[in-house]
Amino acid sequence: MSSNFHVCEGLKHSERCFYVRKYSEGKFKELCHEHVPKSRMSGDTALSALKALMVKHSGWVDSYALQAFMNKKGKNPPAAGELNVRVEYPGEGVCRKMCANSNLEGWVDEFV
């Protein structure tokens, strides 16, 4: 399924595009837009990097940032659930892994 949402025009087949933006006062502000060679980062590492960018720009306290990475198996401490990832296909041949919370969203795009 395609979300038909903006794909970076500069995205190359050999890269991943990381993007983080924040919503405030009716507008989105770009916080991060970086391209990284695919050969330098595995898919799992790219997803971890996206999550790290989300934590960095969220301004969470340390304990909440750690809870965001926890699974739902236990109740103490509770999992924050803020870093749930969904997969979209915003354009032909492009796979997007996306995280979002109340006013922040980030994704990593790559050609597949």
PDB file of N, CA and C in Angstrom:
ATOM      1  N   MET A   1       0.837  -1.178   0.000  1.00  0.00           N
ATOM      2  CA  MET A   1       0.000   0.000   0.000  1.00  0.00           C
ATOM      3  C   MET A   1       0.887   1.248   0.000  1.00  0.00           C
ATOM      4  N   SER A   2       0.545   2.219  -0.799  1.00  0.00           N
ATOM      5  CA  SER A   2       1.309   3.447  -0.898  1.00  0.00           C
ATOM      6  C   SER A   2       0.625   4.551  -0.106  1.00  0.00           C
ATOM      7  N   SER A   3       1.400   5.299   0.675  1.00  0.00           N
ATOM      8  CA  SER A   3       0.828   6.397   1.444  1.00  0.00           C
ATOM      9  C   SER A   3       0.792   7.684   0.626  1.00  0.00           C
ATOM     10  N   ASN A   4       1.457   7.680  -0.538  1.00  0.00           N
ATOM     11  CA  ASN A   4       1.508   8.854  -1.414  1.00  0.00           C
ATOM     12  C   ASN A   4       2.012  10.094  -0.684  1.00  0.00           C
ATOM     13  N   PHE A   5       2.953   9.931   0.221  1.00  0.00           N
ATOM     14  CA  PHE A   5       3.514  11.067   0.944  1.00  0.00           C
ATOM     15  C   PHE A   5       4.925  11.325   0.456  1.00  0.00           C
ATOM     16  N   HIS A   6       5.312  12.552   0.423  1.00  0.00           N
ATOM     17  CA  HIS A   6       6.590  13.049  -0.078  1.00  0.00           C
ATOM     18  C   HIS A   6       7.761  12.085   0.124  1.00  0.00           C
ATOM     19  N   VAL A   7       8.435  11.772  -0.985  1.00  0.00           N
ATOM     20  CA  VAL A   7       9.701  11.050  -0.945  1.00  0.00           C
ATOM     21  C   VAL A   7      10.773  12.035  -1.392  1.00  0.00           C
ATOM     22  N   CYS A   8      11.875  12.061  -0.689  1.00  0.00           N
ATOM     23  CA  CYS A   8      12.972  12.970  -1.002  1.00  0.00           C
ATOM     24  C   CYS A   8      13.398  12.798  -2.457  1.00  0.00           C
ATOM     25  N   GLU A   9      13.419  13.899  -3.187  1.00  0.00           N
ATOM     26  CA  GLU A   9      13.807  13.853  -4.601  1.00  0.00           C
ATOM     27  C   GLU A   9      15.264  13.457  -4.776  1.00  0.00           C
ATOM     28  N   GLY A  10      16.084  13.674  -3.758  1.00  0.00           N
ATOM     29  CA  GLY A  10      17.503  13.347  -3.845  1.00  0.00           C
ATOM     30  C   GLY A  10      17.846  11.923  -3.449  1.00  0.00           C
ATOM     31  N   LEU A  11      16.839  11.119  -3.073  1.00  0.00           N
ATOM     32  CA  LEU A  11      17.095   9.747  -2.624  1.00  0.00           C
ATOM     33  C   LEU A  11      17.641   8.906  -3.772  1.00  0.00           C
ATOM     34  N   LYS A  12      18.785   8.260  -3.533  1.00  0.00           N
ATOM     35  CA  LYS A  12      19.407   7.379  -4.514  1.00  0.00           C
ATOM     36  C   LYS A  12      19.223   5.928  -4.079  1.00  0.00           C
ATOM     37  N   HIS A  13      19.338   5.012  -5.027  1.00  0.00           N
ATOM     38  CA  HIS A  13      19.180   3.584  -4.721  1.00  0.00           C
ATOM     39  C   HIS A  13      20.231   3.088  -3.731  1.00  0.00           C
ATOM     40  N   SER A  14      21.354   3.763  -3.658  1.00  0.00           N
ATOM     41  CA  SER A  14      22.449   3.320  -2.788  1.00  0.00           C
ATOM     42  C   SER A  14      22.403   3.966  -1.406  1.00  0.00           C
ATOM     43  N   GLU A  15      21.314   4.688  -1.083  1.00  0.00           N
ATOM     44  CA  GLU A  15      21.243   5.441   0.170  1.00  0.00           C
ATOM     45  C   GLU A  15      19.978   5.137   0.969  1.00  0.00           C
ATOM     46  N   ARG A  16      20.027   5.583   2.202  1.00  0.00           N
ATOM     47  CA  ARG A  16      18.838   5.683   3.047  1.00  0.00           C
ATOM     48  C   ARG A  16      18.673   7.155   3.390  1.00  0.00           C
ATOM     49  N   CYS A  17      17.449   7.616   3.420  1.00  0.00           N
ATOM     50  CA  CYS A  17      17.149   9.010   3.752  1.00  0.00           C
ATOM     51  C   CYS A  17      16.453   9.042   5.108  1.00  0.00           C
ATOM     52  N   PHE A  18      17.076   9.731   6.073  1.00  0.00           N
ATOM     53  CA  PHE A  18      16.498   9.909   7.406  1.00  0.00           C
ATOM     54  C   PHE A  18      15.875  11.292   7.469  1.00  0.00           C
ATOM     55  N   TYR A  19      14.677  11.345   8.040  1.00  0.00           N
ATOM     56  CA  TYR A  19      13.966  12.622   8.131  1.00  0.00           C
ATOM     57  C   TYR A  19      13.195  12.669   9.439  1.00  0.00           C
ATOM     58  N   VAL A  20      13.338  13.757  10.179  1.00  0.00           N
ATOM     59  CA  VAL A  20      12.582  13.969  11.410  1.00  0.00           C
ATOM     60  C   VAL A  20      12.027  15.383  11.366  1.00  0.00           C
ATOM     61  N   ARG A  21      10.758  15.517  11.718  1.00  0.00           N
ATOM     62  CA  ARG A  21      10.134  16.843  11.759  1.00  0.00           C
ATOM     63  C   ARG A  21       9.219  16.943  12.961  1.00  0.00           C
ATOM     64  N   LYS A  22       9.014  18.189  13.400  1.00  0.00           N
ATOM     65  CA  LYS A  22       8.198  18.457  14.578  1.00  0.00           C
ATOM     66  C   LYS A  22       7.055  19.392  14.200  1.00  0.00           C
ATOM     67  N   TYR A  23       5.874  19.094  14.723  1.00  0.00           N
ATOM     68  CA  TYR A  23       4.695  19.911  14.485  1.00  0.00           C
ATOM     69  C   TYR A  23       4.508  20.878  15.645  1.00  0.00           C
ATOM     70  N   SER A  24       4.399  22.166  15.322  1.00  0.00           N
ATOM     71  CA  SER A  24       4.198  23.175  16.351  1.00  0.00           C
ATOM     72  C   SER A  24       3.501  24.379  15.735  1.00  0.00           C
ATOM     73  N   GLU A  25       2.477  24.832  16.402  1.00  0.00           N
ATOM     74  CA  GLU A  25       1.738  26.028  15.992  1.00  0.00           C
ATOM     75  C   GLU A  25       1.290  25.970  14.536  1.00  0.00           C
ATOM     76  N   GLY A  26       0.776  24.815  14.130  1.00  0.00           N
ATOM     77  CA  GLY A  26       0.209  24.667  12.795  1.00  0.00           C
ATOM     78  C   GLY A  26       1.199  24.432  11.672  1.00  0.00           C
ATOM     79  N   LYS A  27       2.485  24.256  12.010  1.00  0.00           N
ATOM     80  CA  LYS A  27       3.505  24.059  10.981  1.00  0.00           C
ATOM     81  C   LYS A  27       4.443  22.930  11.371  1.00  0.00           C
ATOM     82  N   PHE A  28       5.054  22.320  10.349  1.00  0.00           N
ATOM     83  CA  PHE A  28       6.105  21.340  10.581  1.00  0.00           C
ATOM     84  C   PHE A  28       7.458  22.026  10.435  1.00  0.00           C
ATOM     85  N   LYS A  29       8.372  21.697  11.344  1.00  0.00           N
ATOM     86  CA  LYS A  29       9.740  22.200  11.281  1.00  0.00           C
ATOM     87  C   LYS A  29      10.671  21.011  11.080  1.00  0.00           C
ATOM     88  N   GLU A  30      11.497  21.074  10.061  1.00  0.00           N
ATOM     89  CA  GLU A  30      12.468  20.016   9.797  1.00  0.00           C
ATOM     90  C   GLU A  30      13.556  20.056  10.854  1.00  0.00           C
ATOM     91  N   LEU A  31      13.801  18.908  11.501  1.00  0.00           N
ATOM     92  CA  LEU A  31      14.837  18.808  12.526  1.00  0.00           C
ATOM     93  C   LEU A  31      16.054  18.027  12.049  1.00  0.00           C
ATOM     94  N   CYS A  32      15.829  17.095  11.128  1.00  0.00           N
ATOM     95  CA  CYS A  32      16.916  16.253  10.630  1.00  0.00           C
ATOM     96  C   CYS A  32      16.571  15.787   9.225  1.00  0.00           C
ATOM     97  N   HIS A  33      17.508  15.908   8.328  1.00  0.00           N
ATOM     98  CA  HIS A  33      17.379  15.353   6.974  1.00  0.00           C
ATOM     99  C   HIS A  33      18.778  14.970   6.533  1.00  0.00           C
ATOM    100  N   GLU A  34      19.062  13.668   6.590  1.00  0.00           N
ATOM    101  CA  GLU A  34      20.399  13.163   6.284  1.00  0.00           C
ATOM    102  C   GLU A  34      20.309  11.937   5.381  1.00  0.00           C
ATOM    103  N   HIS A  35      21.272  11.825   4.477  1.00  0.00           N
ATOM    104  CA  HIS A  35      21.388  10.647   3.626  1.00  0.00           C
ATOM    105  C   HIS A  35      22.619   9.856   4.048  1.00  0.00           C
ATOM    106  N   VAL A  36      22.445   8.539   4.161  1.00  0.00           N
ATOM    107  CA  VAL A  36      23.516   7.651   4.605  1.00  0.00           C
ATOM    108  C   VAL A  36      23.650   6.531   3.578  1.00  0.00           C
ATOM    109  N   PRO A  37      24.878   6.187   3.172  1.00  0.00           N
ATOM    110  CA  PRO A  37      25.047   5.066   2.242  1.00  0.00           C
ATOM    111  C   PRO A  37      24.518   3.765   2.852  1.00  0.00           C
ATOM    112  N   LYS A  38      23.753   3.011   2.073  1.00  0.00           N
ATOM    113  CA  LYS A  38      23.224   1.724   2.559  1.00  0.00           C
ATOM    114  C   LYS A  38      24.342   0.780   2.971  1.00  0.00           C
ATOM    115  N   SER A  39      25.461   0.858   2.273  1.00  0.00           N
ATOM    116  CA  SER A  39      26.571  -0.056   2.542  1.00  0.00           C
ATOM    117  C   SER A  39      27.216   0.189   3.906  1.00  0.00           C
ATOM    118  N   ARG A  40      26.892   1.303   4.544  1.00  0.00           N
ATOM    119  CA  ARG A  40      27.501   1.644   5.824  1.00  0.00           C
ATOM    120  C   ARG A  40      26.624   1.333   7.024  1.00  0.00           C
ATOM    121  N   MET A  41      25.382   0.853   6.756  1.00  0.00           N
ATOM    122  CA  MET A  41      24.435   0.659   7.859  1.00  0.00           C
ATOM    123  C   MET A  41      23.426  -0.427   7.463  1.00  0.00           C
ATOM    124  N   SER A  42      23.278  -1.424   8.314  1.00  0.00           N
ATOM    125  CA  SER A  42      22.285  -2.461   8.041  1.00  0.00           C
ATOM    126  C   SER A  42      20.877  -1.903   8.237  1.00  0.00           C
ATOM    127  N   GLY A  43      19.877  -2.632   7.775  1.00  0.00           N
ATOM    128  CA  GLY A  43      18.494  -2.217   7.973  1.00  0.00           C
ATOM    129  C   GLY A  43      18.113  -2.132   9.444  1.00  0.00           C
ATOM    130  N   ASP A  44      18.570  -3.087  10.242  1.00  0.00           N
ATOM    131  CA  ASP A  44      18.281  -3.067  11.680  1.00  0.00           C
ATOM    132  C   ASP A  44      18.946  -1.873  12.359  1.00  0.00           C
ATOM    133  N   THR A  45      20.179  -1.583  11.964  1.00  0.00           N
ATOM    134  CA  THR A  45      20.883  -0.444  12.539  1.00  0.00           C
ATOM    135  C   THR A  45      20.220   0.860  12.121  1.00  0.00           C
ATOM    136  N   ALA A  46      19.738   0.927  10.880  1.00  0.00           N
ATOM    137  CA  ALA A  46      19.036   2.130  10.405  1.00  0.00           C
ATOM    138  C   ALA A  46      17.789   2.385  11.252  1.00  0.00           C
ATOM    139  N   LEU A  47      17.064   1.328  11.577  1.00  0.00           N
ATOM    140  CA  LEU A  47      15.872   1.474  12.406  1.00  0.00           C
ATOM    141  C   LEU A  47      16.251   1.931  13.817  1.00  0.00           C
ATOM    142  N   SER A  48      17.314   1.384  14.370  1.00  0.00           N
ATOM    143  CA  SER A  48      17.781   1.820  15.690  1.00  0.00           C
ATOM    144  C   SER A  48      18.222   3.280  15.652  1.00  0.00           C
ATOM    145  N   ALA A  49      18.872   3.686  14.566  1.00  0.00           N
ATOM    146  CA  ALA A  49      19.303   5.081  14.422  1.00  0.00           C
ATOM    147  C   ALA A  49      18.091   6.010  14.351  1.00  0.00           C
ATOM    148  N   LEU A  50      17.056   5.588  13.632  1.00  0.00           N
ATOM    149  CA  LEU A  50      15.831   6.386  13.559  1.00  0.00           C
ATOM    150  C   LEU A  50      15.234   6.559  14.952  1.00  0.00           C
ATOM    151  N   LYS A  51      15.174   5.479  15.703  1.00  0.00           N
ATOM    152  CA  LYS A  51      14.637   5.554  17.062  1.00  0.00           C
ATOM    153  C   LYS A  51      15.485   6.483  17.937  1.00  0.00           C
ATOM    154  N   ALA A  52      16.802   6.432  17.775  1.00  0.00           N
ATOM    155  CA  ALA A  52      17.679   7.312  18.545  1.00  0.00           C
ATOM    156  C   ALA A  52      17.426   8.777  18.193  1.00  0.00           C
ATOM    157  N   LEU A  53      17.217   9.065  16.914  1.00  0.00           N
ATOM    158  CA  LEU A  53      16.890  10.434  16.509  1.00  0.00           C
ATOM    159  C   LEU A  53      15.569  10.886  17.118  1.00  0.00           C
ATOM    160  N   MET A  54      14.593   9.987  17.146  1.00  0.00           N
ATOM    161  CA  MET A  54      13.299  10.325  17.741  1.00  0.00           C
ATOM    162  C   MET A  54      13.460  10.651  19.227  1.00  0.00           C
ATOM    163  N   VAL A  55      14.241   9.847  19.943  1.00  0.00           N
ATOM    164  CA  VAL A  55      14.469  10.100  21.372  1.00  0.00           C
ATOM    165  C   VAL A  55      15.191  11.429  21.547  1.00  0.00           C
ATOM    166  N   LYS A  56      16.210  11.670  20.744  1.00  0.00           N
ATOM    167  CA  LYS A  56      16.979  12.910  20.854  1.00  0.00           C
ATOM    168  C   LYS A  56      16.083  14.136  20.714  1.00  0.00           C
ATOM    169  N   HIS A  57      15.215  14.127  19.729  1.00  0.00           N
ATOM    170  CA  HIS A  57      14.387  15.300  19.449  1.00  0.00           C
ATOM    171  C   HIS A  57      13.107  15.354  20.285  1.00  0.00           C
ATOM    172  N   SER A  58      12.805  14.305  21.032  1.00  0.00           N
ATOM    173  CA  SER A  58      11.600  14.288  21.857  1.00  0.00           C
ATOM    174  C   SER A  58      11.780  15.009  23.186  1.00  0.00           C
ATOM    175  N   GLY A  59      13.024  15.115  23.653  1.00  0.00           N
ATOM    176  CA  GLY A  59      13.273  15.792  24.916  1.00  0.00           C
ATOM    177  C   GLY A  59      12.822  14.993  26.132  1.00  0.00           C
ATOM    178  N   TRP A  60      12.746  13.691  25.993  1.00  0.00           N
ATOM    179  CA  TRP A  60      12.317  12.841  27.104  1.00  0.00           C
ATOM    180  C   TRP A  60      13.389  12.743  28.179  1.00  0.00           C
ATOM    181  N   VAL A  61      12.937  12.514  29.421  1.00  0.00           N
ATOM    182  CA  VAL A  61      13.879  12.203  30.490  1.00  0.00           C
ATOM    183  C   VAL A  61      14.440  10.808  30.230  1.00  0.00           C
ATOM    184  N   ASP A  62      15.584  10.515  30.834  1.00  0.00           N
ATOM    185  CA  ASP A  62      16.280   9.258  30.559  1.00  0.00           C
ATOM    186  C   ASP A  62      15.409   8.025  30.782  1.00  0.00           C
ATOM    187  N   SER A  63      14.697   7.985  31.912  1.00  0.00           N
ATOM    188  CA  SER A  63      13.905   6.788  32.226  1.00  0.00           C
ATOM    189  C   SER A  63      12.820   6.571  31.174  1.00  0.00           C
ATOM    190  N   TYR A  64      12.187   7.627  30.701  1.00  0.00           N
ATOM    191  CA  TYR A  64      11.143   7.483  29.688  1.00  0.00           C
ATOM    192  C   TYR A  64      11.743   7.047  28.356  1.00  0.00           C
ATOM    193  N   ALA A  65      12.916   7.583  28.021  1.00  0.00           N
ATOM    194  CA  ALA A  65      13.587   7.184  26.786  1.00  0.00           C
ATOM    195  C   ALA A  65      13.892   5.689  26.807  1.00  0.00           C
ATOM    196  N   LEU A  66      14.358   5.186  27.939  1.00  0.00           N
ATOM    197  CA  LEU A  66      14.634   3.748  28.055  1.00  0.00           C
ATOM    198  C   LEU A  66      13.350   2.929  27.973  1.00  0.00           C
ATOM    199  N   GLN A  67      12.284   3.401  28.609  1.00  0.00           N
ATOM    200  CA  GLN A  67      11.009   2.687  28.572  1.00  0.00           C
ATOM    201  C   GLN A  67      10.431   2.631  27.156  1.00  0.00           C
ATOM    202  N   ALA A  68      10.779   3.602  26.319  1.00  0.00           N
ATOM    203  CA  ALA A  68      10.292   3.610  24.941  1.00  0.00           C
ATOM    204  C   ALA A  68      10.854   2.444  24.135  1.00  0.00           C
ATOM    205  N   PHE A  69      11.994   1.899  24.576  1.00  0.00           N
ATOM    206  CA  PHE A  69      12.595   0.764  23.877  1.00  0.00           C
ATOM    207  C   PHE A  69      12.156  -0.590  24.431  1.00  0.00           C
ATOM    208  N   MET A  70      11.422  -0.585  25.546  1.00  0.00           N
ATOM    209  CA  MET A  70      11.014  -1.845  26.178  1.00  0.00           C
ATOM    210  C   MET A  70       9.857  -2.497  25.443  1.00  0.00           C
ATOM    211  N   ASN A  71       9.823  -3.837  25.547  1.00  0.00           N
ATOM    212  CA  ASN A  71       8.684  -4.563  24.993  1.00  0.00           C
ATOM    213  C   ASN A  71       7.536  -4.549  26.000  1.00  0.00           C
ATOM    214  N   LYS A  72       6.425  -5.147  25.627  1.00  0.00           N
ATOM    215  CA  LYS A  72       5.209  -5.111  26.459  1.00  0.00           C
ATOM    216  C   LYS A  72       5.085  -6.322  27.393  1.00  0.00           C
ATOM    217  N   LYS A  73       6.156  -7.091  27.585  1.00  0.00           N
ATOM    218  CA  LYS A  73       6.069  -8.328  28.360  1.00  0.00           C
ATOM    219  C   LYS A  73       5.866  -8.117  29.849  1.00  0.00           C
ATOM    220  N   GLY A  74       6.321  -7.017  30.398  1.00  0.00           N
ATOM    221  CA  GLY A  74       6.173  -6.784  31.833  1.00  0.00           C
ATOM    222  C   GLY A  74       5.383  -5.527  32.115  1.00  0.00           C
ATOM    223  N   LYS A  75       5.111  -5.320  33.399  1.00  0.00           N
ATOM    224  CA  LYS A  75       4.335  -4.144  33.773  1.00  0.00           C
ATOM    225  C   LYS A  75       5.134  -3.145  34.591  1.00  0.00           C
ATOM    226  N   ASN A  76       6.281  -3.570  35.115  1.00  0.00           N
ATOM    227  CA  ASN A  76       7.055  -2.675  35.955  1.00  0.00           C
ATOM    228  C   ASN A  76       8.526  -2.730  35.571  1.00  0.00           C
ATOM    229  N   PRO A  77       9.109  -1.693  35.056  1.00  0.00           N
ATOM    230  CA  PRO A  77       8.463  -0.437  34.670  1.00  0.00           C
ATOM    231  C   PRO A  77       7.643  -0.624  33.403  1.00  0.00           C
ATOM    232  N   PRO A  78       6.680   0.229  33.195  1.00  0.00           N
ATOM    233  CA  PRO A  78       5.839   0.098  32.010  1.00  0.00           C
ATOM    234  C   PRO A  78       6.597   0.488  30.742  1.00  0.00           C
ATOM    235  N   ALA A  79       6.223  -0.122  29.628  1.00  0.00           N
ATOM    236  CA  ALA A  79       6.782   0.274  28.337  1.00  0.00           C
ATOM    237  C   ALA A  79       6.078   1.550  27.893  1.00  0.00           C
ATOM    238  N   ALA A  80       6.849   2.487  27.369  1.00  0.00           N
ATOM    239  CA  ALA A  80       6.264   3.765  26.964  1.00  0.00           C
ATOM    240  C   ALA A  80       5.485   3.643  25.661  1.00  0.00           C
ATOM    241  N   GLY A  81       5.904   2.753  24.766  1.00  0.00           N
ATOM    242  CA  GLY A  81       5.167   2.537  23.525  1.00  0.00           C
ATOM    243  C   GLY A  81       5.254   3.675  22.531  1.00  0.00           C
ATOM    244  N   GLU A  82       6.186   4.583  22.704  1.00  0.00           N
ATOM    245  CA  GLU A  82       6.276   5.745  21.816  1.00  0.00           C
ATOM    246  C   GLU A  82       7.069   5.476  20.544  1.00  0.00           C
ATOM    247  N   LEU A  83       7.779   4.382  20.468  1.00  0.00           N
ATOM    248  CA  LEU A  83       8.625   4.126  19.305  1.00  0.00           C
ATOM    249  C   LEU A  83       8.102   2.993  18.435  1.00  0.00           C
ATOM    250  N   ASN A  84       6.804   2.827  18.404  1.00  0.00           N
ATOM    251  CA  ASN A  84       6.216   1.828  17.519  1.00  0.00           C
ATOM    252  C   ASN A  84       6.496   2.213  16.078  1.00  0.00           C
ATOM    253  N   VAL A  85       6.882   1.248  15.300  1.00  0.00           N
ATOM    254  CA  VAL A  85       7.259   1.489  13.909  1.00  0.00           C
ATOM    255  C   VAL A  85       6.206   0.884  12.999  1.00  0.00           C
ATOM    256  N   ARG A  86       5.876   1.625  11.975  1.00  0.00           N
ATOM    257  CA  ARG A  86       4.999   1.074  10.942  1.00  0.00           C
ATOM    258  C   ARG A  86       5.723   1.190   9.613  1.00  0.00           C
ATOM    259  N   VAL A  87       5.340   0.353   8.683  1.00  0.00           N
ATOM    260  CA  VAL A  87       5.961   0.340   7.366  1.00  0.00           C
ATOM    261  C   VAL A  87       4.963   0.870   6.354  1.00  0.00           C
ATOM    262  N   GLU A  88       5.437   1.767   5.505  1.00  0.00           N
ATOM    263  CA  GLU A  88       4.626   2.345   4.438  1.00  0.00           C
ATOM    264  C   GLU A  88       5.397   2.250   3.130  1.00  0.00           C
ATOM    265  N   TYR A  89       4.711   2.469   2.053  1.00  0.00           N
ATOM    266  CA  TYR A  89       5.317   2.514   0.735  1.00  0.00           C
ATOM    267  C   TYR A  89       4.887   3.820   0.072  1.00  0.00           C
ATOM    268  N   PRO A  90       5.658   4.910   0.318  1.00  0.00           N
ATOM    269  CA  PRO A  90       5.242   6.238  -0.117  1.00  0.00           C
ATOM    270  C   PRO A  90       5.420   6.502  -1.611  1.00  0.00           C
ATOM    271  N   GLY A  91       6.087   5.617  -2.293  1.00  0.00           N
ATOM    272  CA  GLY A  91       6.292   5.771  -3.727  1.00  0.00           C
ATOM    273  C   GLY A  91       6.721   4.448  -4.313  1.00  0.00           C
ATOM    274  N   GLU A  92       6.710   4.363  -5.600  1.00  0.00           N
ATOM    275  CA  GLU A  92       7.052   3.106  -6.262  1.00  0.00           C
ATOM    276  C   GLU A  92       8.479   2.680  -5.925  1.00  0.00           C
ATOM    277  N   GLY A  93       8.593   1.484  -5.350  1.00  0.00           N
ATOM    278  CA  GLY A  93       9.892   0.929  -5.010  1.00  0.00           C
ATOM    279  C   GLY A  93      10.519   1.467  -3.744  1.00  0.00           C
ATOM    280  N   VAL A  94       9.813   2.339  -3.009  1.00  0.00           N
ATOM    281  CA  VAL A  94      10.375   2.943  -1.803  1.00  0.00           C
ATOM    282  C   VAL A  94       9.671   2.380  -0.570  1.00  0.00           C
ATOM    283  N   CYS A  95      10.475   1.915   0.373  1.00  0.00           N
ATOM    284  CA  CYS A  95       9.964   1.420   1.650  1.00  0.00           C
ATOM    285  C   CYS A  95      10.299   2.449   2.718  1.00  0.00           C
ATOM    286  N   ARG A  96       9.310   2.777   3.548  1.00  0.00           N
ATOM    287  CA  ARG A  96       9.488   3.746   4.627  1.00  0.00           C
ATOM    288  C   ARG A  96       9.196   3.065   5.955  1.00  0.00           C
ATOM    289  N   LYS A  97      10.118   3.202   6.899  1.00  0.00           N
ATOM    290  CA  LYS A  97       9.883   2.800   8.281  1.00  0.00           C
ATOM    291  C   LYS A  97       9.703   4.083   9.060  1.00  0.00           C
ATOM    292  N   MET A  98       8.571   4.198   9.745  1.00  0.00           N
ATOM    293  CA  MET A  98       8.176   5.464  10.350  1.00  0.00           C
ATOM    294  C   MET A  98       7.825   5.305  11.821  1.00  0.00           C
ATOM    295  N   CYS A  99       8.218   6.299  12.618  1.00  0.00           N
ATOM    296  CA  CYS A  99       7.821   6.430  14.023  1.00  0.00           C
ATOM    297  C   CYS A  99       7.131   7.776  14.172  1.00  0.00           C
ATOM    298  N   ALA A 100       6.161   7.846  15.057  1.00  0.00           N
ATOM    299  CA  ALA A 100       5.516   9.133  15.330  1.00  0.00           C
ATOM    300  C   ALA A 100       5.014   9.142  16.759  1.00  0.00           C
ATOM    301  N   ASN A 101       5.021  10.339  17.359  1.00  0.00           N
ATOM    302  CA  ASN A 101       4.338  10.530  18.633  1.00  0.00           C
ATOM    303  C   ASN A 101       3.487  11.785  18.496  1.00  0.00           C
ATOM    304  N   SER A 102       3.091  12.384  19.564  1.00  0.00           N
ATOM    305  CA  SER A 102       2.096  13.449  19.504  1.00  0.00           C
ATOM    306  C   SER A 102       2.468  14.612  18.597  1.00  0.00           C
ATOM    307  N   ASN A 103       3.718  15.056  18.587  1.00  0.00           N
ATOM    308  CA  ASN A 103       4.073  16.202  17.747  1.00  0.00           C
ATOM    309  C   ASN A 103       5.359  15.995  16.949  1.00  0.00           C
ATOM    310  N   LEU A 104       5.849  14.779  16.906  1.00  0.00           N
ATOM    311  CA  LEU A 104       7.110  14.482  16.239  1.00  0.00           C
ATOM    312  C   LEU A 104       6.934  13.262  15.370  1.00  0.00           C
ATOM    313  N   GLU A 105       7.493  13.311  14.171  1.00  0.00           N
ATOM    314  CA  GLU A 105       7.483  12.124  13.325  1.00  0.00           C
ATOM    315  C   GLU A 105       8.805  12.020  12.590  1.00  0.00           C
ATOM    316  N   GLY A 106       9.220  10.803  12.392  1.00  0.00           N
ATOM    317  CA  GLY A 106      10.473  10.552  11.708  1.00  0.00           C
ATOM    318  C   GLY A 106      10.367   9.295  10.879  1.00  0.00           C
ATOM    319  N   TRP A 107      11.204   9.219   9.850  1.00  0.00           N
ATOM    320  CA  TRP A 107      11.193   8.032   9.007  1.00  0.00           C
ATOM    321  C   TRP A 107      12.540   7.850   8.337  1.00  0.00           C
ATOM    322  N   VAL A 108      12.743   6.647   7.864  1.00  0.00           N
ATOM    323  CA  VAL A 108      13.889   6.329   7.026  1.00  0.00           C
ATOM    324  C   VAL A 108      13.337   5.670   5.772  1.00  0.00           C
ATOM    325  N   ASP A 109      13.703   6.231   4.624  1.00  0.00           N
ATOM    326  CA  ASP A 109      13.262   5.725   3.320  1.00  0.00           C
ATOM    327  C   ASP A 109      14.417   5.059   2.600  1.00  0.00           C
ATOM    328  N   GLU A 110      14.092   4.035   1.833  1.00  0.00           N
ATOM    329  CA  GLU A 110      15.089   3.395   0.968  1.00  0.00           C
ATOM    330  C   GLU A 110      14.375   2.693  -0.175  1.00  0.00           C
ATOM    331  N   PHE A 111      15.084   2.581  -1.276  1.00  0.00           N
ATOM    332  CA  PHE A 111      14.576   1.802  -2.405  1.00  0.00           C
ATOM    333  C   PHE A 111      14.755   0.327  -2.081  1.00  0.00           C
ATOM    334  N   VAL A 112      13.773  -0.469  -2.436  1.00  0.00           N
ATOM    335  CA  VAL A 112      13.851  -1.925  -2.221  1.00  0.00           C
ATOM    336  C   VAL A 112      13.720  -2.647  -3.543  1.00  0.00           C
TER     337      VAL A 112
END
